[in-house]
């Protein structure tokens, strides 16, 4: 697949109020922007208020090269915002305003058409904190084609989640992406008591018939787990400015390569490279010269490796029972 694919970020659109200033954010918007940076057609499906923040958000999306055709406008509720504090390692803590425009997403004819056309949809937990938006997202995901790749970015924030939301979202998904900390929280909620990440990931994989579980480990890289393979990456040493949006960049890059049928080792290497670059920039939607993109992604040997664990993967030949360096 060489032509661009349609990748939709569905959910919250908000302003991140960082110590360094105000930048537009929200995981779905970050995902859509990064998809467009990678050469796909990124689309944001969200809702803003008819206020100065809402108008500016649409202006920023347009400047980033993203269409605003699927942004809804709310007369009664303000545009969302989140106050972000960063620790010494650049890791963010969010305080997210409630009862804002994206808590009132509405399914419409134009959104139905978008759902039917989408090749990839990325959605999360946060935008489902209100019953109205939760119902809309559920309907949107139910109106896609069978071939549409649905990615659930778990993205737990504050107390805006429930077991019921998690269950429903995992059932929708083909791919689930979560941090190593979120994996432990989700596993506890589902009464998974194993300590090994590969085993926990495969419990999720089998319970919800997922194609892939992606675990991000911050500066320590990632772990991608399918039914027959587990690919670990040690990450890259970079000078971190902030980590806001790095996970969304990882997800967009993962989707870009996965939907094209690339091997998990290649997917892992590219996604870690791309996410690492984002941590060296301010905010979640840094500008990127297309000529520089290939330098970032590169094809130099990385630290991705496939972990073959016979007790987890089931019976295989002796030749396959080994650890393979990529």
Protein backbone atom coordinates (compact mmCIF):
# COMPACT_ATOMS: atom_id res chain seq x y z
CA UNK A 1 0.00 0.00 0.00
CA UNK A 2 1.79 3.14 -1.22
CA UNK A 3 -1.07 5.65 -1.40
CA UNK A 4 -2.08 7.67 1.67
CA UNK A 5 -4.73 6.12 3.91
CA UNK A 6 -7.47 7.95 5.79
CA UNK A 7 -6.66 8.00 9.52
CA UNK A 8 -9.22 9.51 11.89
CA UNK A 9 -8.51 10.78 15.39
CA UNK A 10 -11.87 10.58 17.18
CA UNK A 11 -12.51 12.33 20.50
CA UNK A 12 -11.15 15.28 22.44
CA UNK A 13 -9.69 18.48 21.00
CA UNK A 14 -8.34 20.87 23.60
CA UNK A 15 -5.67 23.37 24.54
CA UNK A 16 -2.74 22.11 26.60
CA UNK A 17 -1.73 24.88 29.02
CA UNK A 18 1.97 24.11 29.39
CA UNK A 19 4.52 25.97 31.55
CA UNK A 20 6.06 27.22 28.29
CA UNK A 21 2.75 28.45 26.88
CA UNK A 22 -0.51 27.29 25.31
CA UNK A 23 -0.50 24.66 22.54
CA UNK A 24 -3.32 22.77 20.88
CA UNK A 25 -3.60 19.15 21.92
CA UNK A 26 -5.81 16.19 22.66
CA UNK A 27 -4.67 12.70 21.67
CA UNK A 28 -6.98 12.36 18.62
CA UNK A 29 -5.78 15.69 17.17
CA UNK A 30 -2.15 14.80 17.84
CA UNK A 31 -2.66 11.41 16.20
CA UNK A 32 -4.26 12.96 13.10
CA UNK A 33 -1.50 15.54 12.74
CA UNK A 34 1.26 12.96 13.07
CA UNK A 35 -0.50 10.72 10.54
CA UNK A 36 -0.42 13.62 8.08
CA UNK A 37 3.26 14.24 8.81
CA UNK A 38 3.91 10.60 7.87
CA UNK A 39 2.16 11.10 4.53
CA UNK A 40 -1.32 9.81 5.29
CA UNK A 41 -4.56 11.81 5.38
CA UNK A 42 -5.10 12.68 9.02
CA UNK A 43 -8.57 13.88 10.07
CA UNK A 44 -9.76 15.14 13.45
CA UNK A 45 -13.36 14.36 14.46
CA UNK A 46 -14.11 16.44 17.55
CA UNK A 47 -16.08 19.40 18.92
CA UNK A 48 -15.14 22.92 20.05
CA UNK A 49 -17.07 25.83 21.48
CA UNK A 50 -18.08 28.93 19.54
CA UNK A 51 -15.48 30.94 21.43
CA UNK A 52 -12.04 32.41 20.88
CA UNK A 53 -10.30 29.13 21.82
CA UNK A 54 -12.53 27.23 19.38
CA UNK A 55 -11.85 29.62 16.52
CA UNK A 56 -8.13 29.52 17.23
CA UNK A 57 -8.12 25.72 17.37
CA UNK A 58 -9.63 25.57 13.88
CA UNK A 59 -7.11 28.12 12.65
CA UNK A 60 -4.25 26.04 14.05
CA UNK A 61 -5.60 22.86 12.47
CA UNK A 62 -5.78 24.62 9.11
CA UNK A 63 -2.20 25.89 9.48
CA UNK A 64 -1.11 22.35 10.26
CA UNK A 65 -2.70 21.23 7.00
CA UNK A 66 -5.67 19.43 8.58
CA UNK A 67 -9.25 19.84 7.46
CA UNK A 68 -11.75 21.36 9.91
CA UNK A 69 -14.74 19.87 8.07
CA UNK A 70 -15.32 17.30 10.83
CA UNK A 71 -15.03 19.71 13.75
CA UNK A 72 -18.41 20.33 15.38
CA UNK A 73 -19.26 23.70 16.94
CA UNK A 74 -21.08 23.93 20.26
CA UNK A 75 -23.17 26.98 21.17
CA UNK A 76 -23.56 26.06 24.84
CA UNK A 77 -20.18 24.65 25.95
CA UNK A 78 -16.67 26.06 25.84
CA UNK A 79 -13.65 24.63 24.07
CA UNK A 80 -11.72 22.13 26.19
CA UNK A 81 -8.46 22.83 27.98
CA UNK A 82 -6.02 20.98 30.24
CA UNK A 83 -3.45 22.43 32.59
CA UNK A 84 -0.20 20.49 32.16
CA UNK A 85 2.63 20.33 34.69
CA UNK A 86 5.94 18.65 33.84
CA UNK A 87 8.25 16.80 36.22
CA UNK A 88 12.06 16.89 36.03
CA UNK A 89 12.05 14.24 33.30
CA UNK A 90 9.51 16.11 31.18
CA UNK A 91 6.66 13.73 32.05
CA UNK A 92 3.27 15.49 32.10
CA UNK A 93 0.45 15.56 34.64
CA UNK A 94 -2.91 16.78 33.30
CA UNK A 95 -5.75 18.62 35.02
CA UNK A 96 -8.57 18.47 32.47
CA UNK A 97 -11.55 20.81 32.49
CA UNK A 98 -14.94 19.09 32.57
CA UNK A 99 -18.28 19.66 30.78
CA UNK A 100 -16.65 21.15 27.68
CA UNK A 101 -17.59 20.93 24.01
CA UNK A 102 -16.04 17.53 23.30
CA UNK A 103 -18.15 16.01 26.09
CA UNK A 104 -21.12 16.54 23.76
CA UNK A 105 -20.09 14.84 20.50
CA UNK A 106 -23.00 14.17 18.15
CA UNK A 107 -23.24 11.62 15.36
CA UNK A 108 -24.18 13.29 12.07
CA UNK A 109 -24.47 12.39 8.42
CA UNK A 110 -21.02 13.77 7.65
CA UNK A 111 -19.53 11.79 10.55
CA UNK A 112 -21.33 8.65 9.37
CA UNK A 113 -19.76 9.10 5.92
CA UNK A 114 -16.36 9.62 7.55
CA UNK A 115 -16.73 6.42 9.57
CA UNK A 116 -17.60 4.49 6.40
CA UNK A 117 -14.57 5.87 4.54
CA UNK A 118 -11.93 5.59 7.28
CA UNK A 119 -9.05 3.15 6.91
CA UNK A 120 -7.84 3.66 10.49
CA UNK A 121 -9.62 5.11 13.53
CA UNK A 122 -7.86 5.94 16.77
CA UNK A 123 -10.05 6.56 19.82
CA UNK A 124 -9.45 6.69 23.56
CA UNK A 125 -10.98 6.52 27.00
CA UNK A 126 -11.05 10.19 27.96
CA UNK A 127 -13.60 11.33 25.36
CA UNK A 128 -15.99 8.68 26.67
CA UNK A 129 -16.21 10.22 30.14
CA UNK A 130 -19.67 11.65 29.32
CA UNK A 131 -22.57 9.36 28.34
CA UNK A 132 -23.36 11.55 25.30
CA UNK A 133 -19.91 11.35 23.76
CA UNK A 134 -19.56 7.70 24.77
CA UNK A 135 -22.72 6.81 22.85
CA UNK A 136 -21.58 8.82 19.82
CA UNK A 137 -18.16 7.17 19.74
CA UNK A 138 -19.74 3.73 20.06
CA UNK A 139 -22.04 4.51 17.12
CA UNK A 140 -19.20 5.93 15.03
CA UNK A 141 -17.08 2.81 15.53
CA UNK A 142 -20.05 0.56 14.73
CA UNK A 143 -20.53 2.20 11.32
CA UNK A 144 -17.08 1.45 9.93
CA UNK A 145 -16.16 -1.11 7.29
CA UNK A 146 -14.99 -4.56 8.41
CA UNK A 147 -11.53 -3.76 7.07
CA UNK A 148 -11.14 -0.55 9.08
CA UNK A 149 -8.33 -0.80 11.61
CA UNK A 150 -9.58 0.40 15.02
CA UNK A 151 -6.94 1.43 17.54
CA UNK A 152 -7.84 1.91 21.19
CA UNK A 153 -5.36 4.26 22.87
CA UNK A 154 -6.27 3.55 26.49
CA UNK A 155 -4.84 6.87 27.72
CA UNK A 156 -6.22 6.87 31.30
CA UNK A 157 -6.57 10.37 32.74
CA UNK A 158 -7.50 11.28 36.32
CA UNK A 159 -10.62 9.27 37.26
CA UNK A 160 -12.27 9.53 33.83
CA UNK A 161 -12.71 5.80 33.18
CA UNK A 162 -14.66 2.75 34.28
CA UNK A 163 -14.43 -1.00 33.79
CA UNK A 164 -17.50 -0.83 31.54
CA UNK A 165 -15.85 1.76 29.26
CA UNK A 166 -12.66 -0.27 29.10
CA UNK A 167 -14.55 -3.48 28.28
CA UNK A 168 -16.57 -1.84 25.50
CA UNK A 169 -13.54 -0.11 24.02
CA UNK A 170 -11.36 -3.22 23.97
CA UNK A 171 -14.16 -5.12 22.24
CA UNK A 172 -14.25 -2.48 19.48
CA UNK A 173 -10.49 -2.53 18.97
CA UNK A 174 -8.13 -4.43 16.70
CA UNK A 175 -5.09 -2.87 18.40
CA UNK A 176 -4.80 -1.67 21.99
CA UNK A 177 -2.05 0.74 23.01
CA UNK A 178 -1.28 1.54 26.64
CA UNK A 179 1.64 2.51 28.86
CA UNK A 180 3.27 -0.03 31.15
CA UNK A 181 1.62 1.72 34.11
CA UNK A 182 -1.77 1.58 32.41
CA UNK A 183 -1.23 -2.11 31.68
CA UNK A 184 -0.91 -2.77 35.42
CA UNK A 185 -4.01 -0.68 36.24
CA UNK A 186 -6.11 -2.34 33.55
CA UNK A 187 -4.86 -5.80 34.51
CA UNK A 188 -5.82 -5.16 38.13
CA UNK A 189 -9.32 -4.05 37.09
CA UNK A 190 -9.72 -7.24 35.05
CA UNK A 191 -8.26 -9.39 37.85
CA UNK A 192 -5.19 -10.48 35.87
CA UNK A 193 -2.61 -11.39 38.51
CA UNK A 194 0.46 -12.24 36.41
CA UNK A 195 3.53 -10.01 36.72
CA UNK A 196 5.08 -10.53 33.28
CA UNK A 197 4.13 -7.88 30.70
CA UNK A 198 4.09 -10.30 27.78
CA UNK A 199 1.73 -12.62 29.65
CA UNK A 200 -0.54 -9.73 30.69
CA UNK A 201 -0.61 -8.37 27.15
CA UNK A 202 -1.53 -11.76 25.79
CA UNK A 203 -4.33 -12.09 28.36
CA UNK A 204 -5.80 -8.87 26.94
CA UNK A 205 -5.16 -10.05 23.40
CA UNK A 206 -7.08 -13.29 23.86
CA UNK A 207 -9.88 -11.97 26.05
CA UNK A 208 -10.83 -9.29 23.52
CA UNK A 209 -9.70 -10.99 20.27
CA UNK A 210 -7.15 -8.25 19.56
CA UNK A 211 -4.60 -8.40 16.77
CA UNK A 212 -1.93 -6.52 18.69
CA UNK A 213 -1.23 -5.05 22.14
CA UNK A 214 1.29 -2.20 22.28
CA UNK A 215 2.94 -1.26 25.57
CA UNK A 216 4.98 1.94 25.74
CA UNK A 217 7.65 2.26 28.42
CA UNK A 218 8.64 5.92 28.22
CA UNK A 219 12.42 6.31 27.89
CA UNK A 220 12.75 2.52 27.94
CA UNK A 221 11.06 1.92 24.59
CA UNK A 222 8.15 -0.40 23.95
CA UNK A 223 6.77 -3.92 23.73
CA UNK A 224 4.52 -5.10 20.89
CA UNK A 225 2.68 -8.37 21.47
CA UNK A 226 0.69 -10.38 18.93
CA UNK A 227 -0.59 -13.95 19.21
CA UNK A 228 2.63 -15.40 17.83
CA UNK A 229 5.26 -12.73 18.48
CA UNK A 230 6.57 -10.28 21.08
CA UNK A 231 8.87 -7.49 19.92
CA UNK A 232 10.78 -5.44 22.48
CA UNK A 233 12.58 -2.13 21.86
CA UNK A 234 14.95 -0.43 24.28
CA UNK A 235 14.25 3.12 23.12
CA UNK A 236 16.68 5.90 22.21
CA UNK A 237 18.73 8.29 24.34
CA UNK A 238 17.67 11.85 23.41
CA UNK A 239 17.60 15.27 25.04
CA UNK A 240 14.00 15.47 26.22
CA UNK A 241 12.20 18.82 26.08
CA UNK A 242 8.78 17.41 26.96
CA UNK A 243 6.98 14.13 26.32
CA UNK A 244 3.56 15.59 25.46
CA UNK A 245 2.31 13.93 22.27
CA UNK A 246 5.08 11.33 22.07
CA UNK A 247 2.63 8.48 22.65
CA UNK A 248 0.32 9.84 19.94
CA UNK A 249 3.23 10.04 17.51
CA UNK A 250 4.09 6.44 18.40
CA UNK A 251 0.50 5.35 17.68
CA UNK A 252 0.33 7.20 14.36
CA UNK A 253 3.62 5.71 13.20
CA UNK A 254 2.59 2.25 14.35
CA UNK A 255 -0.67 2.57 12.38
CA UNK A 256 1.15 3.88 9.30
CA UNK A 257 3.42 0.83 9.13
CA UNK A 258 1.02 -1.80 10.49
CA UNK A 259 -1.74 -1.06 7.98
CA UNK A 260 0.84 -1.56 5.22
CA UNK A 261 1.66 -5.05 6.45
CA UNK A 262 5.16 -4.37 7.77
CA UNK A 263 6.86 -6.78 10.15
CA UNK A 264 6.51 -5.96 13.84
CA UNK A 265 10.25 -5.36 14.16
CA UNK A 266 10.09 -2.66 11.49
CA UNK A 267 6.93 -1.18 13.03
CA UNK A 268 8.59 -1.06 16.45
CA UNK A 269 11.78 0.55 15.20
CA UNK A 270 10.02 3.30 13.25
CA UNK A 271 7.49 4.09 16.00
CA UNK A 272 10.21 4.42 18.63
CA UNK A 273 12.32 6.63 16.39
CA UNK A 274 9.40 8.92 15.61
CA UNK A 275 8.21 9.18 19.23
CA UNK A 276 11.76 9.89 20.42
CA UNK A 277 12.03 12.80 18.01
CA UNK A 278 8.79 14.31 19.33
CA UNK A 279 10.19 14.36 22.88
CA UNK A 280 12.97 16.69 21.64
CA UNK A 281 10.37 19.25 20.52
CA UNK A 282 7.99 21.59 22.35
CA UNK A 283 4.35 20.48 22.34
CA UNK A 284 2.54 17.67 20.57
CA UNK A 285 2.36 19.07 17.02
CA UNK A 286 5.87 20.24 16.09
CA UNK A 287 6.57 21.19 12.49
CA UNK A 288 8.65 18.74 10.47
CA UNK A 289 10.32 19.17 7.11
CA UNK A 290 9.32 16.15 4.96
CA UNK A 291 12.94 15.88 3.81
CA UNK A 292 13.99 15.36 7.42
CA UNK A 293 11.36 12.68 8.09
CA UNK A 294 13.35 9.89 6.48
CA UNK A 295 16.40 10.86 8.49
CA UNK A 296 14.34 10.48 11.67
CA UNK A 297 12.79 7.16 10.70
CA UNK A 298 15.97 5.87 9.10
CA UNK A 299 16.86 2.27 8.44
CA UNK A 300 19.90 1.92 10.68
CA UNK A 301 19.96 -1.08 13.02
CA UNK A 302 18.08 -0.34 16.21
CA UNK A 303 17.39 -2.17 19.43
CA UNK A 304 14.17 -3.94 18.45
CA UNK A 305 14.25 -7.66 19.09
CA UNK A 306 11.71 -10.43 18.83
CA UNK A 307 11.24 -12.41 22.01
CA UNK A 308 10.13 -15.94 21.25
CA UNK A 309 8.80 -17.55 24.40
CA UNK A 310 7.57 -21.12 23.79
CA UNK A 311 5.53 -21.34 27.01
CA UNK A 312 3.54 -18.27 25.96
CA UNK A 313 3.29 -18.89 22.22
CA UNK A 314 2.40 -22.56 22.23
CA UNK A 315 4.03 -25.55 20.48
CA UNK A 316 6.58 -24.66 17.83
CA UNK A 317 9.62 -26.31 16.32
CA UNK A 318 12.94 -26.29 18.16
CA UNK A 319 14.32 -24.01 15.49
CA UNK A 320 11.84 -21.29 16.49
CA UNK A 321 12.53 -21.49 20.23
CA UNK A 322 15.14 -18.78 20.37
CA UNK A 323 15.65 -15.04 20.79
CA UNK A 324 16.16 -13.23 17.49
CA UNK A 325 18.03 -9.93 17.19
CA UNK A 326 16.55 -7.58 14.56
